[in-house]
Amino acid sequence: MKIFLVENSLLVRDRLRPLLQALSGVEIVGEAASAKEALDGIAAAGADAVVLDLHLDGSSGFDVLRALQKSAPRVVVYVLTSFASEAYRRAAERLGARGFFDKSGEIPRLLATLSEKS
């Protein structure tokens, strides 16, 4: 599975990258900190899946979800955010997110989900 990581914090990306790379069958094909970088990179990298933060530089993950629904509906999106309210979860799912995970305690669950899909 080719994963594109969209996260505005370099520290978080640096923490997630090795965890994702350790999963069998997973390849990180790109990273971005902003919605524009993400949308440009996801298509160019041929990503199968995206791990997406909702708080991005200059925009939001919701904007990325909306754009991907139109431009790349086959790309599977997993939201990983520190804004894990039920309202955000429902909004992300309405926009096509396949999973919604809280950074504060659900990274292992995200990794297990990705491991099952790869």
PDB file of N, CA and C in Angstrom:
ATOM      1  N   MET A   1       0.838  -1.167   0.000  1.00  0.00           N
ATOM      2  CA  MET A   1       0.000   0.000   0.000  1.00  0.00           C
ATOM      3  C   MET A   1       0.894   1.244   0.000  1.00  0.00           C
ATOM      4  N   LYS A   2       0.635   2.139  -0.916  1.00  0.00           N
ATOM      5  CA  LYS A   2       1.388   3.390  -1.006  1.00  0.00           C
ATOM      6  C   LYS A   2       0.654   4.457  -0.201  1.00  0.00           C
ATOM      7  N   ILE A   3       1.335   4.953   0.837  1.00  0.00           N
ATOM      8  CA  ILE A   3       0.716   5.915   1.752  1.00  0.00           C
ATOM      9  C   ILE A   3       1.361   7.283   1.603  1.00  0.00           C
ATOM     10  N   PHE A   4       0.505   8.291   1.580  1.00  0.00           N
ATOM     11  CA  PHE A   4       0.939   9.685   1.581  1.00  0.00           C
ATOM     12  C   PHE A   4       0.581  10.256   2.947  1.00  0.00           C
ATOM     13  N   LEU A   5       1.543  10.847   3.635  1.00  0.00           N
ATOM     14  CA  LEU A   5       1.374  11.365   4.989  1.00  0.00           C
ATOM     15  C   LEU A   5       1.177  12.875   4.938  1.00  0.00           C
ATOM     16  N   VAL A   6       0.032  13.339   5.439  1.00  0.00           N
ATOM     17  CA  VAL A   6      -0.288  14.776   5.428  1.00  0.00           C
ATOM     18  C   VAL A   6      -0.437  15.231   6.874  1.00  0.00           C
ATOM     19  N   GLU A   7       0.554  15.971   7.339  1.00  0.00           N
ATOM     20  CA  GLU A   7       0.629  16.398   8.741  1.00  0.00           C
ATOM     21  C   GLU A   7       1.442  17.681   8.796  1.00  0.00           C
ATOM     22  N   ASN A   8       0.899  18.717   9.450  1.00  0.00           N
ATOM     23  CA  ASN A   8       1.614  19.991   9.462  1.00  0.00           C
ATOM     24  C   ASN A   8       2.812  20.006  10.412  1.00  0.00           C
ATOM     25  N   SER A   9       2.839  19.127  11.387  1.00  0.00           N
ATOM     26  CA  SER A   9       3.931  19.110  12.356  1.00  0.00           C
ATOM     27  C   SER A   9       5.040  18.154  11.917  1.00  0.00           C
ATOM     28  N   LEU A  10       6.221  18.695  11.727  1.00  0.00           N
ATOM     29  CA  LEU A  10       7.370  17.867  11.366  1.00  0.00           C
ATOM     30  C   LEU A  10       7.671  16.852  12.472  1.00  0.00           C
ATOM     31  N   LEU A  11       7.510  17.252  13.721  1.00  0.00           N
ATOM     32  CA  LEU A  11       7.753  16.322  14.830  1.00  0.00           C
ATOM     33  C   LEU A  11       6.821  15.116  14.765  1.00  0.00           C
ATOM     34  N   VAL A  12       5.559  15.357  14.452  1.00  0.00           N
ATOM     35  CA  VAL A  12       4.605  14.253  14.347  1.00  0.00           C
ATOM     36  C   VAL A  12       4.940  13.388  13.134  1.00  0.00           C
ATOM     37  N   ARG A  13       5.268  14.026  12.003  1.00  0.00           N
ATOM     38  CA  ARG A  13       5.659  13.241  10.824  1.00  0.00           C
ATOM     39  C   ARG A  13       6.874  12.372  11.134  1.00  0.00           C
ATOM     40  N   ASP A  14       7.843  12.953  11.834  1.00  0.00           N
ATOM     41  CA  ASP A  14       9.046  12.203  12.184  1.00  0.00           C
ATOM     42  C   ASP A  14       8.729  11.033  13.117  1.00  0.00           C
ATOM     43  N   ARG A  15       7.692  11.180  13.938  1.00  0.00           N
ATOM     44  CA  ARG A  15       7.275  10.083  14.831  1.00  0.00           C
ATOM     45  C   ARG A  15       6.503   9.018  14.068  1.00  0.00           C
ATOM     46  N   LEU A  16       5.643   9.435  13.155  1.00  0.00           N
ATOM     47  CA  LEU A  16       4.801   8.484  12.422  1.00  0.00           C
ATOM     48  C   LEU A  16       5.537   7.716  11.331  1.00  0.00           C
ATOM     49  N   ARG A  17       6.443   8.390  10.653  1.00  0.00           N
ATOM     50  CA  ARG A  17       7.120   7.786   9.502  1.00  0.00           C
ATOM     51  C   ARG A  17       7.690   6.397   9.813  1.00  0.00           C
ATOM     52  N   PRO A  18       8.519   6.246  10.861  1.00  0.00           N
ATOM     53  CA  PRO A  18       9.082   4.910  11.115  1.00  0.00           C
ATOM     54  C   PRO A  18       8.028   3.883  11.526  1.00  0.00           C
ATOM     55  N   LEU A  19       6.975   4.340  12.198  1.00  0.00           N
ATOM     56  CA  LEU A  19       5.905   3.411  12.579  1.00  0.00           C
ATOM     57  C   LEU A  19       5.187   2.886  11.341  1.00  0.00           C
ATOM     58  N   LEU A  20       4.942   3.764  10.389  1.00  0.00           N
ATOM     59  CA  LEU A  20       4.283   3.354   9.144  1.00  0.00           C
ATOM     60  C   LEU A  20       5.200   2.484   8.297  1.00  0.00           C
ATOM     61  N   GLN A  21       6.467   2.876   8.213  1.00  0.00           N
ATOM     62  CA  GLN A  21       7.421   2.125   7.401  1.00  0.00           C
ATOM     63  C   GLN A  21       7.654   0.724   7.946  1.00  0.00           C
ATOM     64  N   ALA A  22       7.425   0.534   9.227  1.00  0.00           N
ATOM     65  CA  ALA A  22       7.626  -0.787   9.835  1.00  0.00           C
ATOM     66  C   ALA A  22       6.507  -1.763   9.482  1.00  0.00           C
ATOM     67  N   LEU A  23       5.415  -1.265   8.938  1.00  0.00           N
ATOM     68  CA  LEU A  23       4.301  -2.132   8.572  1.00  0.00           C
ATOM     69  C   LEU A  23       4.621  -2.876   7.281  1.00  0.00           C
ATOM     70  N   SER A  24       4.365  -4.148   7.260  1.00  0.00           N
ATOM     71  CA  SER A  24       4.601  -4.959   6.077  1.00  0.00           C
ATOM     72  C   SER A  24       3.695  -4.501   4.937  1.00  0.00           C
ATOM     73  N   GLY A  25       4.273  -4.312   3.769  1.00  0.00           N
ATOM     74  CA  GLY A  25       3.498  -3.939   2.593  1.00  0.00           C
ATOM     75  C   GLY A  25       3.187  -2.467   2.480  1.00  0.00           C
ATOM     76  N   VAL A  26       3.743  -1.648   3.374  1.00  0.00           N
ATOM     77  CA  VAL A  26       3.482  -0.205   3.348  1.00  0.00           C
ATOM     78  C   VAL A  26       4.715   0.533   2.840  1.00  0.00           C
ATOM     79  N   GLU A  27       4.468   1.458   1.946  1.00  0.00           N
ATOM     80  CA  GLU A  27       5.518   2.329   1.422  1.00  0.00           C
ATOM     81  C   GLU A  27       5.035   3.768   1.548  1.00  0.00           C
ATOM     82  N   ILE A  28       5.855   4.622   2.159  1.00  0.00           N
ATOM     83  CA  ILE A  28       5.518   6.046   2.245  1.00  0.00           C
ATOM     84  C   ILE A  28       5.982   6.672   0.930  1.00  0.00           C
ATOM     85  N   VAL A  29       5.039   7.217   0.162  1.00  0.00           N
ATOM     86  CA  VAL A  29       5.379   7.762  -1.151  1.00  0.00           C
ATOM     87  C   VAL A  29       5.431   9.284  -1.165  1.00  0.00           C
ATOM     88  N   GLY A  30       5.122   9.921  -0.035  1.00  0.00           N
ATOM     89  CA  GLY A  30       5.212  11.366   0.035  1.00  0.00           C
ATOM     90  C   GLY A  30       4.693  11.904   1.343  1.00  0.00           C
ATOM     91  N   GLU A  31       5.028  13.173   1.565  1.00  0.00           N
ATOM     92  CA  GLU A  31       4.606  13.875   2.774  1.00  0.00           C
ATOM     93  C   GLU A  31       4.288  15.311   2.419  1.00  0.00           C
ATOM     94  N   ALA A  32       3.383  15.897   3.205  1.00  0.00           N
ATOM     95  CA  ALA A  32       3.020  17.294   2.997  1.00  0.00           C
ATOM     96  C   ALA A  32       2.584  17.907   4.319  1.00  0.00           C
ATOM     97  N   ALA A  33       2.745  19.238   4.406  1.00  0.00           N
ATOM     98  CA  ALA A  33       2.309  19.981   5.590  1.00  0.00           C
ATOM     99  C   ALA A  33       1.100  20.854   5.298  1.00  0.00           C
ATOM    100  N   SER A  34       0.778  21.030   4.019  1.00  0.00           N
ATOM    101  CA  SER A  34      -0.344  21.896   3.639  1.00  0.00           C
ATOM    102  C   SER A  34      -1.284  21.160   2.690  1.00  0.00           C
ATOM    103  N   ALA A  35      -2.483  21.693   2.564  1.00  0.00           N
ATOM    104  CA  ALA A  35      -3.466  21.103   1.649  1.00  0.00           C
ATOM    105  C   ALA A  35      -2.961  21.145   0.211  1.00  0.00           C
ATOM    106  N   LYS A  36      -2.390  22.260  -0.197  1.00  0.00           N
ATOM    107  CA  LYS A  36      -1.901  22.382  -1.575  1.00  0.00           C
ATOM    108  C   LYS A  36      -0.805  21.368  -1.868  1.00  0.00           C
ATOM    109  N   GLU A  37       0.177  21.262  -0.968  1.00  0.00           N
ATOM    110  CA  GLU A  37       1.246  20.265  -1.133  1.00  0.00           C
ATOM    111  C   GLU A  37       0.658  18.857  -1.191  1.00  0.00           C
ATOM    112  N   ALA A  38      -0.326  18.614  -0.341  1.00  0.00           N
ATOM    113  CA  ALA A  38      -0.946  17.284  -0.297  1.00  0.00           C
ATOM    114  C   ALA A  38      -1.628  16.957  -1.602  1.00  0.00           C
ATOM    115  N   LEU A  39      -2.461  17.853  -2.082  1.00  0.00           N
ATOM    116  CA  LEU A  39      -3.217  17.567  -3.303  1.00  0.00           C
ATOM    117  C   LEU A  39      -2.307  17.430  -4.511  1.00  0.00           C
ATOM    118  N   ASP A  40      -1.269  18.239  -4.581  1.00  0.00           N
ATOM    119  CA  ASP A  40      -0.291  18.103  -5.673  1.00  0.00           C
ATOM    120  C   ASP A  40       0.458  16.781  -5.564  1.00  0.00           C
ATOM    121  N   GLY A  41       0.853  16.424  -4.353  1.00  0.00           N
ATOM    122  CA  GLY A  41       1.691  15.247  -4.149  1.00  0.00           C
ATOM    123  C   GLY A  41       0.966  13.926  -4.209  1.00  0.00           C
ATOM    124  N   ILE A  42      -0.255  13.876  -3.716  1.00  0.00           N
ATOM    125  CA  ILE A  42      -1.006  12.611  -3.678  1.00  0.00           C
ATOM    126  C   ILE A  42      -1.188  12.059  -5.089  1.00  0.00           C
ATOM    127  N   ALA A  43      -1.606  12.911  -5.990  1.00  0.00           N
ATOM    128  CA  ALA A  43      -1.810  12.465  -7.370  1.00  0.00           C
ATOM    129  C   ALA A  43      -0.490  12.071  -8.022  1.00  0.00           C
ATOM    130  N   ALA A  44       0.523  12.896  -7.851  1.00  0.00           N
ATOM    131  CA  ALA A  44       1.820  12.630  -8.478  1.00  0.00           C
ATOM    132  C   ALA A  44       2.461  11.349  -7.953  1.00  0.00           C
ATOM    133  N   ALA A  45       2.231  11.046  -6.684  1.00  0.00           N
ATOM    134  CA  ALA A  45       2.864   9.873  -6.075  1.00  0.00           C
ATOM    135  C   ALA A  45       2.106   8.584  -6.333  1.00  0.00           C
ATOM    136  N   GLY A  46       0.892   8.677  -6.827  1.00  0.00           N
ATOM    137  CA  GLY A  46       0.094   7.474  -7.046  1.00  0.00           C
ATOM    138  C   GLY A  46      -0.287   6.788  -5.746  1.00  0.00           C
ATOM    139  N   ALA A  47      -0.590   7.584  -4.729  1.00  0.00           N
ATOM    140  CA  ALA A  47      -0.913   7.043  -3.412  1.00  0.00           C
ATOM    141  C   ALA A  47      -2.209   6.238  -3.447  1.00  0.00           C
ATOM    142  N   ASP A  48      -2.218   5.151  -2.684  1.00  0.00           N
ATOM    143  CA  ASP A  48      -3.421   4.347  -2.475  1.00  0.00           C
ATOM    144  C   ASP A  48      -4.206   4.854  -1.274  1.00  0.00           C
ATOM    145  N   ALA A  49      -3.464   5.399  -0.296  1.00  0.00           N
ATOM    146  CA  ALA A  49      -4.066   5.825   0.958  1.00  0.00           C
ATOM    147  C   ALA A  49      -3.372   7.078   1.472  1.00  0.00           C
ATOM    148  N   VAL A  50      -4.105   7.813   2.304  1.00  0.00           N
ATOM    149  CA  VAL A  50      -3.590   9.039   2.905  1.00  0.00           C
ATOM    150  C   VAL A  50      -3.860   8.986   4.401  1.00  0.00           C
ATOM    151  N   VAL A  51      -2.842   9.317   5.189  1.00  0.00           N
ATOM    152  CA  VAL A  51      -3.023   9.570   6.612  1.00  0.00           C
ATOM    153  C   VAL A  51      -3.043  11.081   6.735  1.00  0.00           C
ATOM    154  N   LEU A  52      -4.179  11.626   7.172  1.00  0.00           N
ATOM    155  CA  LEU A  52      -4.462  13.054   7.046  1.00  0.00           C
ATOM    156  C   LEU A  52      -4.777  13.700   8.384  1.00  0.00           C
ATOM    157  N   ASP A  53      -4.036  14.748   8.707  1.00  0.00           N
ATOM    158  CA  ASP A  53      -4.361  15.594   9.851  1.00  0.00           C
ATOM    159  C   ASP A  53      -5.433  16.593   9.420  1.00  0.00           C
ATOM    160  N   LEU A  54      -6.240  17.058  10.352  1.00  0.00           N
ATOM    161  CA  LEU A  54      -7.253  18.055  10.016  1.00  0.00           C
ATOM    162  C   LEU A  54      -6.710  19.475  10.093  1.00  0.00           C
ATOM    163  N   HIS A  55      -5.674  19.693  10.889  1.00  0.00           N
ATOM    164  CA  HIS A  55      -5.070  21.022  11.011  1.00  0.00           C
ATOM    165  C   HIS A  55      -3.833  21.080  10.121  1.00  0.00           C
ATOM    166  N   LEU A  56      -3.918  21.868   9.057  1.00  0.00           N
ATOM    167  CA  LEU A  56      -2.816  21.969   8.105  1.00  0.00           C
ATOM    168  C   LEU A  56      -2.414  23.420   7.916  1.00  0.00           C
ATOM    169  N   ASP A  57      -1.230  23.633   7.390  1.00  0.00           N
ATOM    170  CA  ASP A  57      -0.768  24.979   7.103  1.00  0.00           C
ATOM    171  C   ASP A  57      -1.637  25.595   6.012  1.00  0.00           C
ATOM    172  N   GLY A  58      -2.286  26.707   6.324  1.00  0.00           N
ATOM    173  CA  GLY A  58      -3.036  27.465   5.336  1.00  0.00           C
ATOM    174  C   GLY A  58      -4.392  26.911   4.947  1.00  0.00           C
ATOM    175  N   SER A  59      -4.818  25.821   5.542  1.00  0.00           N
ATOM    176  CA  SER A  59      -6.084  25.216   5.138  1.00  0.00           C
ATOM    177  C   SER A  59      -6.462  24.153   6.155  1.00  0.00           C
ATOM    178  N   SER A  60      -7.359  23.248   5.755  1.00  0.00           N
ATOM    179  CA  SER A  60      -7.728  22.173   6.670  1.00  0.00           C
ATOM    180  C   SER A  60      -7.775  20.836   5.945  1.00  0.00           C
ATOM    181  N   GLY A  61      -7.744  19.791   6.734  1.00  0.00           N
ATOM    182  CA  GLY A  61      -7.886  18.452   6.172  1.00  0.00           C
ATOM    183  C   GLY A  61      -9.243  18.249   5.531  1.00  0.00           C
ATOM    184  N   PHE A  62     -10.256  18.976   6.000  1.00  0.00           N
ATOM    185  CA  PHE A  62     -11.571  18.883   5.375  1.00  0.00           C
ATOM    186  C   PHE A  62     -11.513  19.341   3.922  1.00  0.00           C
ATOM    187  N   ASP A  63     -10.696  20.363   3.650  1.00  0.00           N
ATOM    188  CA  ASP A  63     -10.530  20.821   2.263  1.00  0.00           C
ATOM    189  C   ASP A  63      -9.887  19.731   1.411  1.00  0.00           C
ATOM    190  N   VAL A  64      -8.934  19.026   1.989  1.00  0.00           N
ATOM    191  CA  VAL A  64      -8.284  17.924   1.269  1.00  0.00           C
ATOM    192  C   VAL A  64      -9.298  16.812   0.997  1.00  0.00           C
ATOM    193  N   LEU A  65     -10.091  16.467   2.003  1.00  0.00           N
ATOM    194  CA  LEU A  65     -11.113  15.433   1.814  1.00  0.00           C
ATOM    195  C   LEU A  65     -12.086  15.808   0.697  1.00  0.00           C
ATOM    196  N   ARG A  66     -12.559  17.055   0.699  1.00  0.00           N
ATOM    197  CA  ARG A  66     -13.485  17.504  -0.347  1.00  0.00           C
ATOM    198  C   ARG A  66     -12.852  17.384  -1.734  1.00  0.00           C
ATOM    199  N   ALA A  67     -11.624  17.828  -1.846  1.00  0.00           N
ATOM    200  CA  ALA A  67     -10.940  17.792  -3.148  1.00  0.00           C
ATOM    201  C   ALA A  67     -10.694  16.362  -3.602  1.00  0.00           C
ATOM    202  N   LEU A  68     -10.315  15.483  -2.679  1.00  0.00           N
ATOM    203  CA  LEU A  68     -10.046  14.095  -3.053  1.00  0.00           C
ATOM    204  C   LEU A  68     -11.308  13.359  -3.478  1.00  0.00           C
ATOM    205  N   GLN A  69     -12.441  13.718  -2.900  1.00  0.00           N
ATOM    206  CA  GLN A  69     -13.708  13.111  -3.330  1.00  0.00           C
ATOM    207  C   GLN A  69     -13.913  13.324  -4.823  1.00  0.00           C
ATOM    208  N   LYS A  70     -13.501  14.486  -5.316  1.00  0.00           N
ATOM    209  CA  LYS A  70     -13.692  14.815  -6.728  1.00  0.00           C
ATOM    210  C   LYS A  70     -12.543  14.315  -7.601  1.00  0.00           C
ATOM    211  N   SER A  71     -11.312  14.527  -7.131  1.00  0.00           N
ATOM    212  CA  SER A  71     -10.160  14.254  -7.995  1.00  0.00           C
ATOM    213  C   SER A  71      -9.606  12.840  -7.884  1.00  0.00           C
ATOM    214  N   ALA A  72      -9.778  12.205  -6.733  1.00  0.00           N
ATOM    215  CA  ALA A  72      -9.197  10.870  -6.531  1.00  0.00           C
ATOM    216  C   ALA A  72     -10.069  10.058  -5.576  1.00  0.00           C
ATOM    217  N   PRO A  73     -11.290   9.745  -5.984  1.00  0.00           N
ATOM    218  CA  PRO A  73     -12.219   9.075  -5.073  1.00  0.00           C
ATOM    219  C   PRO A  73     -11.775   7.676  -4.638  1.00  0.00           C
ATOM    220  N   ARG A  74     -10.850   7.066  -5.346  1.00  0.00           N
ATOM    221  CA  ARG A  74     -10.381   5.722  -4.970  1.00  0.00           C
ATOM    222  C   ARG A  74      -9.319   5.745  -3.869  1.00  0.00           C
ATOM    223  N   VAL A  75      -8.754   6.923  -3.607  1.00  0.00           N
ATOM    224  CA  VAL A  75      -7.746   7.037  -2.555  1.00  0.00           C
ATOM    225  C   VAL A  75      -8.449   6.940  -1.197  1.00  0.00           C
ATOM    226  N   VAL A  76      -7.974   6.031  -0.375  1.00  0.00           N
ATOM    227  CA  VAL A  76      -8.557   5.811   0.949  1.00  0.00           C
ATOM    228  C   VAL A  76      -7.912   6.787   1.931  1.00  0.00           C
ATOM    229  N   VAL A  77      -8.745   7.479   2.704  1.00  0.00           N
ATOM    230  CA  VAL A  77      -8.239   8.487   3.639  1.00  0.00           C
ATOM    231  C   VAL A  77      -8.533   8.066   5.075  1.00  0.00           C
ATOM    232  N   TYR A  78      -7.482   8.116   5.891  1.00  0.00           N
ATOM    233  CA  TYR A  78      -7.584   7.867   7.321  1.00  0.00           C
ATOM    234  C   TYR A  78      -7.195   9.160   8.031  1.00  0.00           C
ATOM    235  N   VAL A  79      -8.117   9.738   8.774  1.00  0.00           N
ATOM    236  CA  VAL A  79      -7.856  10.981   9.494  1.00  0.00           C
ATOM    237  C   VAL A  79      -7.190  10.638  10.821  1.00  0.00           C
ATOM    238  N   LEU A  80      -6.097  11.334  11.110  1.00  0.00           N
ATOM    239  CA  LEU A  80      -5.389  11.223  12.385  1.00  0.00           C
ATOM    240  C   LEU A  80      -5.254  12.634  12.929  1.00  0.00           C
ATOM    241  N   THR A  81      -5.968  12.944  14.002  1.00  0.00           N
ATOM    242  CA  THR A  81      -6.040  14.320  14.461  1.00  0.00           C
ATOM    243  C   THR A  81      -6.065  14.440  15.969  1.00  0.00           C
ATOM    244  N   SER A  82      -5.694  15.596  16.451  1.00  0.00           N
ATOM    245  CA  SER A  82      -5.848  15.879  17.877  1.00  0.00           C
ATOM    246  C   SER A  82      -7.189  16.561  18.137  1.00  0.00           C
ATOM    247  N   PHE A  83      -7.944  16.835  17.082  1.00  0.00           N
ATOM    248  CA  PHE A  83      -9.278  17.421  17.191  1.00  0.00           C
ATOM    249  C   PHE A  83     -10.315  16.310  16.988  1.00  0.00           C
ATOM    250  N   ALA A  84     -10.364  15.399  17.933  1.00  0.00           N
ATOM    251  CA  ALA A  84     -11.138  14.172  17.742  1.00  0.00           C
ATOM    252  C   ALA A  84     -12.553  14.261  18.321  1.00  0.00           C
ATOM    253  N   SER A  85     -13.250  15.317  18.000  1.00  0.00           N
ATOM    254  CA  SER A  85     -14.632  15.427  18.473  1.00  0.00           C
ATOM    255  C   SER A  85     -15.551  14.570  17.604  1.00  0.00           C
ATOM    256  N   GLU A  86     -16.695  14.239  18.148  1.00  0.00           N
ATOM    257  CA  GLU A  86     -17.673  13.444  17.401  1.00  0.00           C
ATOM    258  C   GLU A  86     -18.171  14.212  16.179  1.00  0.00           C
ATOM    259  N   ALA A  87     -18.314  15.527  16.293  1.00  0.00           N
ATOM    260  CA  ALA A  87     -18.752  16.339  15.149  1.00  0.00           C
ATOM    261  C   ALA A  87     -17.726  16.281  14.022  1.00  0.00           C
ATOM    262  N   TYR A  88     -16.447  16.344  14.353  1.00  0.00           N
ATOM    263  CA  TYR A  88     -15.400  16.250  13.327  1.00  0.00           C
ATOM    264  C   TYR A  88     -15.377  14.855  12.711  1.00  0.00           C
ATOM    265  N   ARG A  89     -15.588  13.842  13.556  1.00  0.00           N
ATOM    266  CA  ARG A  89     -15.619  12.472  13.046  1.00  0.00           C
ATOM    267  C   ARG A  89     -16.731  12.320  12.005  1.00  0.00           C
ATOM    268  N   ARG A  90     -17.925  12.779  12.348  1.00  0.00           N
ATOM    269  CA  ARG A  90     -19.056  12.663  11.418  1.00  0.00           C
ATOM    270  C   ARG A  90     -18.804  13.461  10.139  1.00  0.00           C
ATOM    271  N   ALA A  91     -18.250  14.651  10.269  1.00  0.00           N
ATOM    272  CA  ALA A  91     -17.958  15.473   9.091  1.00  0.00           C
ATOM    273  C   ALA A  91     -16.932  14.785   8.197  1.00  0.00           C
ATOM    274  N   ALA A  92     -15.890  14.226   8.790  1.00  0.00           N
ATOM    275  CA  ALA A  92     -14.858  13.537   8.005  1.00  0.00           C
ATOM    276  C   ALA A  92     -15.440  12.316   7.302  1.00  0.00           C
ATOM    277  N   GLU A  93     -16.280  11.577   7.993  1.00  0.00           N
ATOM    278  CA  GLU A  93     -16.895  10.392   7.374  1.00  0.00           C
ATOM    279  C   GLU A  93     -17.831  10.788   6.236  1.00  0.00           C
ATOM    280  N   ARG A  94     -18.576  11.882   6.405  1.00  0.00           N
ATOM    281  CA  ARG A  94     -19.440  12.374   5.318  1.00  0.00           C
ATOM    282  C   ARG A  94     -18.625  12.749   4.084  1.00  0.00           C
ATOM    283  N   LEU A  95     -17.388  13.195   4.317  1.00  0.00           N
ATOM    284  CA  LEU A  95     -16.523  13.594   3.211  1.00  0.00           C
ATOM    285  C   LEU A  95     -15.676  12.432   2.691  1.00  0.00           C
ATOM    286  N   GLY A  96     -15.954  11.233   3.171  1.00  0.00           N
ATOM    287  CA  GLY A  96     -15.306  10.062   2.597  1.00  0.00           C
ATOM    288  C   GLY A  96     -14.185   9.429   3.393  1.00  0.00           C
ATOM    289  N   ALA A  97     -13.862   9.946   4.572  1.00  0.00           N
ATOM    290  CA  ALA A  97     -12.794   9.326   5.371  1.00  0.00           C
ATOM    291  C   ALA A  97     -13.191   7.903   5.741  1.00  0.00           C
ATOM    292  N   ARG A  98     -12.279   6.983   5.577  1.00  0.00           N
ATOM    293  CA  ARG A  98     -12.528   5.574   5.888  1.00  0.00           C
ATOM    294  C   ARG A  98     -12.313   5.279   7.363  1.00  0.00           C
ATOM    295  N   GLY A  99     -11.495   6.111   8.028  1.00  0.00           N
ATOM    296  CA  GLY A  99     -11.237   5.927   9.449  1.00  0.00           C
ATOM    297  C   GLY A  99     -10.915   7.258  10.093  1.00  0.00           C
ATOM    298  N   PHE A 100     -11.116   7.342  11.396  1.00  0.00           N
ATOM    299  CA  PHE A 100     -10.899   8.574  12.142  1.00  0.00           C
ATOM    300  C   PHE A 100     -10.232   8.194  13.454  1.00  0.00           C
ATOM    301  N   PHE A 101      -9.040   8.740  13.715  1.00  0.00           N
ATOM    302  CA  PHE A 101      -8.229   8.321  14.840  1.00  0.00           C
ATOM    303  C   PHE A 101      -7.719   9.536  15.613  1.00  0.00           C
ATOM    304  N   ASP A 102      -7.713   9.420  16.932  1.00  0.00           N
ATOM    305  CA  ASP A 102      -7.240  10.465  17.827  1.00  0.00           C
ATOM    306  C   ASP A 102      -5.736  10.280  18.047  1.00  0.00           C
ATOM    307  N   LYS A 103      -4.965  11.335  17.792  1.00  0.00           N
ATOM    308  CA  LYS A 103      -3.516  11.250  17.968  1.00  0.00           C
ATOM    309  C   LYS A 103      -3.112  10.900  19.400  1.00  0.00           C
ATOM    310  N   SER A 104      -3.938  11.303  20.359  1.00  0.00           N
ATOM    311  CA  SER A 104      -3.540  11.134  21.758  1.00  0.00           C
ATOM    312  C   SER A 104      -3.591   9.685  22.236  1.00  0.00           C
ATOM    313  N   GLY A 105      -4.260   8.798  21.507  1.00  0.00           N
ATOM    314  CA  GLY A 105      -4.294   7.430  22.008  1.00  0.00           C
ATOM    315  C   GLY A 105      -4.650   6.366  20.997  1.00  0.00           C
ATOM    316  N   GLU A 106      -4.877   6.750  19.750  1.00  0.00           N
ATOM    317  CA  GLU A 106      -5.337   5.754  18.783  1.00  0.00           C
ATOM    318  C   GLU A 106      -4.357   5.467  17.647  1.00  0.00           C
ATOM    319  N   ILE A 107      -3.114   5.863  17.809  1.00  0.00           N
ATOM    320  CA  ILE A 107      -2.121   5.552  16.774  1.00  0.00           C
ATOM    321  C   ILE A 107      -1.959   4.035  16.626  1.00  0.00           C
ATOM    322  N   PRO A 108      -1.915   3.264  17.719  1.00  0.00           N
ATOM    323  CA  PRO A 108      -1.844   1.806  17.538  1.00  0.00           C
ATOM    324  C   PRO A 108      -3.039   1.247  16.751  1.00  0.00           C
ATOM    325  N   ARG A 109      -4.212   1.804  16.966  1.00  0.00           N
ATOM    326  CA  ARG A 109      -5.398   1.343  16.225  1.00  0.00           C
ATOM    327  C   ARG A 109      -5.281   1.704  14.741  1.00  0.00           C
ATOM    328  N   LEU A 110      -4.753   2.896  14.444  1.00  0.00           N
ATOM    329  CA  LEU A 110      -4.503   3.276  13.045  1.00  0.00           C
ATOM    330  C   LEU A 110      -3.524   2.300  12.412  1.00  0.00           C
ATOM    331  N   LEU A 111      -2.430   2.008  13.097  1.00  0.00           N
ATOM    332  CA  LEU A 111      -1.427   1.092  12.552  1.00  0.00           C
ATOM    333  C   LEU A 111      -2.013  -0.295  12.316  1.00  0.00           C
ATOM    334  N   ALA A 112      -2.842  -0.758  13.230  1.00  0.00           N
ATOM    335  CA  ALA A 112      -3.489  -2.070  13.059  1.00  0.00           C
ATOM    336  C   ALA A 112      -4.415  -2.053  11.854  1.00  0.00           C
ATOM    337  N   THR A 113      -5.143  -0.967  11.680  1.00  0.00           N
ATOM    338  CA  THR A 113      -6.042  -0.844  10.521  1.00  0.00           C
ATOM    339  C   THR A 113      -5.259  -0.859   9.229  1.00  0.00           C
ATOM    340  N   LEU A 114      -4.185  -0.103   9.163  1.00  0.00           N
ATOM    341  CA  LEU A 114      -3.357  -0.057   7.953  1.00  0.00           C
ATOM    342  C   LEU A 114      -2.705  -1.410   7.687  1.00  0.00           C
ATOM    343  N   SER A 115      -2.290  -2.081   8.734  1.00  0.00           N
ATOM    344  CA  SER A 115      -1.661  -3.386   8.595  1.00  0.00           C
ATOM    345  C   SER A 115      -2.639  -4.403   8.002  1.00  0.00           C
ATOM    346  N   GLU A 116      -3.898  -4.330   8.411  1.00  0.00           N
ATOM    347  CA  GLU A 116      -4.926  -5.224   7.871  1.00  0.00           C
ATOM    348  C   GLU A 116      -5.193  -4.959   6.404  1.00  0.00           C
ATOM    349  N   LYS A 117      -5.061  -3.702   5.977  1.00  0.00           N
ATOM    350  CA  LYS A 117      -5.399  -3.299   4.603  1.00  0.00           C
ATOM    351  C   LYS A 117      -4.245  -3.491   3.636  1.00  0.00           C
ATOM    352  N   SER A 118      -3.014  -3.601   4.163  1.00  0.00           N
ATOM    353  CA  SER A 118      -1.869  -3.700   3.228  1.00  0.00           C
ATOM    354  C   SER A 118      -1.636  -5.117   2.766  1.00  0.00           C
TER     355      SER A 118
END
